[in-house]
């Protein structure tokens, strides 16, 4: 059975969050920043065929919003019919409720 292939796109806010993380890490180590960036992009790209692999985000309880971890970061994405949309890239230690309110997701 052939796997379904979906396009993977990043929302502007998720792209901005990734950029901020990479910039922050690069202040200490450009090599580490490159490593995190490569891992995040690879994990996101893998969702084209493995979009159902992530767990449902527990705080949201919406089966369409899932997450996978990239080191200590939560890469959250929404599975749609023809595409996967990366909606957030958030450090796992961050207060999710405060972040969610700040993002206008309440």
Protein backbone atom coordinates (compact mmCIF):
# COMPACT_ATOMS: atom_id res chain seq x y z
CA UNK A 1 0.00 0.00 0.00
CA UNK A 2 1.43 3.37 -1.03
CA UNK A 3 1.88 6.03 1.62
CA UNK A 4 -0.08 9.24 1.37
CA UNK A 5 2.17 12.22 0.68
CA UNK A 6 1.17 15.64 2.00
CA UNK A 7 2.87 18.97 1.45
CA UNK A 8 4.52 20.34 4.58
CA UNK A 9 4.29 24.09 5.15
CA UNK A 10 5.29 26.30 8.07
CA UNK A 11 2.96 28.98 9.43
CA UNK A 12 4.53 32.43 9.74
CA UNK A 13 4.45 32.25 13.53
CA UNK A 14 6.13 28.82 13.62
CA UNK A 15 8.76 29.98 11.14
CA UNK A 16 9.40 33.09 13.25
CA UNK A 17 9.65 30.98 16.43
CA UNK A 18 12.17 28.64 14.79
CA UNK A 19 14.23 31.63 13.62
CA UNK A 20 14.22 33.07 17.16
CA UNK A 21 15.34 29.75 18.65
CA UNK A 22 18.15 29.37 16.13
CA UNK A 23 19.30 32.95 16.69
CA UNK A 24 19.30 32.45 20.45
CA UNK A 25 21.28 29.19 20.26
CA UNK A 26 23.72 30.70 17.76
CA UNK A 27 24.72 33.31 20.35
CA UNK A 28 26.42 30.47 22.22
CA UNK A 29 27.21 28.03 19.41
CA UNK A 30 26.69 28.35 15.67
CA UNK A 31 27.30 24.61 15.31
CA UNK A 32 24.59 23.75 17.83
CA UNK A 33 22.19 26.17 16.14
CA UNK A 34 22.86 24.49 12.80
CA UNK A 35 22.26 21.10 14.37
CA UNK A 36 18.90 22.15 15.84
CA UNK A 37 17.85 23.80 12.58
CA UNK A 38 18.73 20.73 10.53
CA UNK A 39 16.89 18.44 12.94
CA UNK A 40 13.77 20.64 12.97
CA UNK A 41 13.64 20.83 9.18
CA UNK A 42 14.24 17.09 8.82
CA UNK A 43 11.51 16.20 11.31
CA UNK A 44 9.07 18.59 9.62
CA UNK A 45 9.89 17.17 6.18
CA UNK A 46 9.29 13.62 7.47
CA UNK A 47 5.69 14.59 8.22
CA UNK A 48 4.97 14.53 4.49
CA UNK A 49 4.58 10.76 4.74
CA UNK A 50 4.44 10.17 8.50
CA UNK A 51 1.96 12.83 9.54
CA UNK A 52 0.03 10.61 11.93
CA UNK A 53 3.10 9.61 13.97
CA UNK A 54 3.04 12.46 16.47
CA UNK A 55 0.96 12.43 19.60
CA UNK A 56 -2.13 14.57 19.98
CA UNK A 57 -1.17 17.73 21.89
CA UNK A 58 -2.50 16.91 25.37
CA UNK A 59 -3.40 20.50 26.26
CA UNK A 60 -5.51 20.92 23.12
CA UNK A 61 -7.26 17.53 22.85
CA UNK A 62 -7.76 18.10 19.12
CA UNK A 63 -6.85 15.01 17.05
CA UNK A 64 -5.89 17.22 14.10
CA UNK A 65 -3.16 18.98 16.13
CA UNK A 66 -0.20 16.74 16.86
CA UNK A 67 3.35 17.15 18.02
CA UNK A 68 6.77 15.59 17.74
CA UNK A 69 9.81 16.54 19.74
CA UNK A 70 13.00 18.00 18.32
CA UNK A 71 15.43 17.81 21.22
CA UNK A 72 13.64 19.86 23.92
CA UNK A 73 11.32 21.61 21.49
CA UNK A 74 7.73 20.75 20.64
CA UNK A 75 7.05 20.94 16.92
CA UNK A 76 3.27 21.17 16.70
CA UNK A 77 1.41 20.63 13.45
CA UNK A 78 -2.08 20.38 12.03
CA UNK A 79 -2.89 17.50 9.69
CA UNK A 80 -5.10 18.54 6.79
CA UNK A 81 -6.35 16.58 3.80
CA UNK A 82 -3.57 17.59 1.39
CA UNK A 83 -0.98 19.16 3.67
CA UNK A 84 0.60 19.36 7.08
CA UNK A 85 0.92 22.83 8.61
CA UNK A 86 3.59 23.37 11.24
CA UNK A 87 1.79 25.71 13.64
CA UNK A 88 4.31 26.09 16.49
CA UNK A 89 7.87 25.47 17.61
CA UNK A 90 7.98 25.85 21.40
CA UNK A 91 10.50 24.91 24.10
CA UNK A 92 9.12 22.04 26.15
CA UNK A 93 9.78 23.80 29.47
CA UNK A 94 7.67 26.79 28.48
CA UNK A 95 4.37 27.40 30.28
CA UNK A 96 2.00 26.16 27.56
CA UNK A 97 -1.10 27.94 28.93
CA UNK A 98 0.70 31.31 28.99
CA UNK A 99 2.16 30.70 25.53
CA UNK A 100 -1.25 29.69 24.18
CA UNK A 101 -2.89 32.85 25.55
CA UNK A 102 -0.07 34.97 24.13
CA UNK A 103 -0.61 33.36 20.71
CA UNK A 104 -4.33 34.12 20.78
CA UNK A 105 -5.25 30.43 20.89
CA UNK A 106 -7.64 30.74 23.86
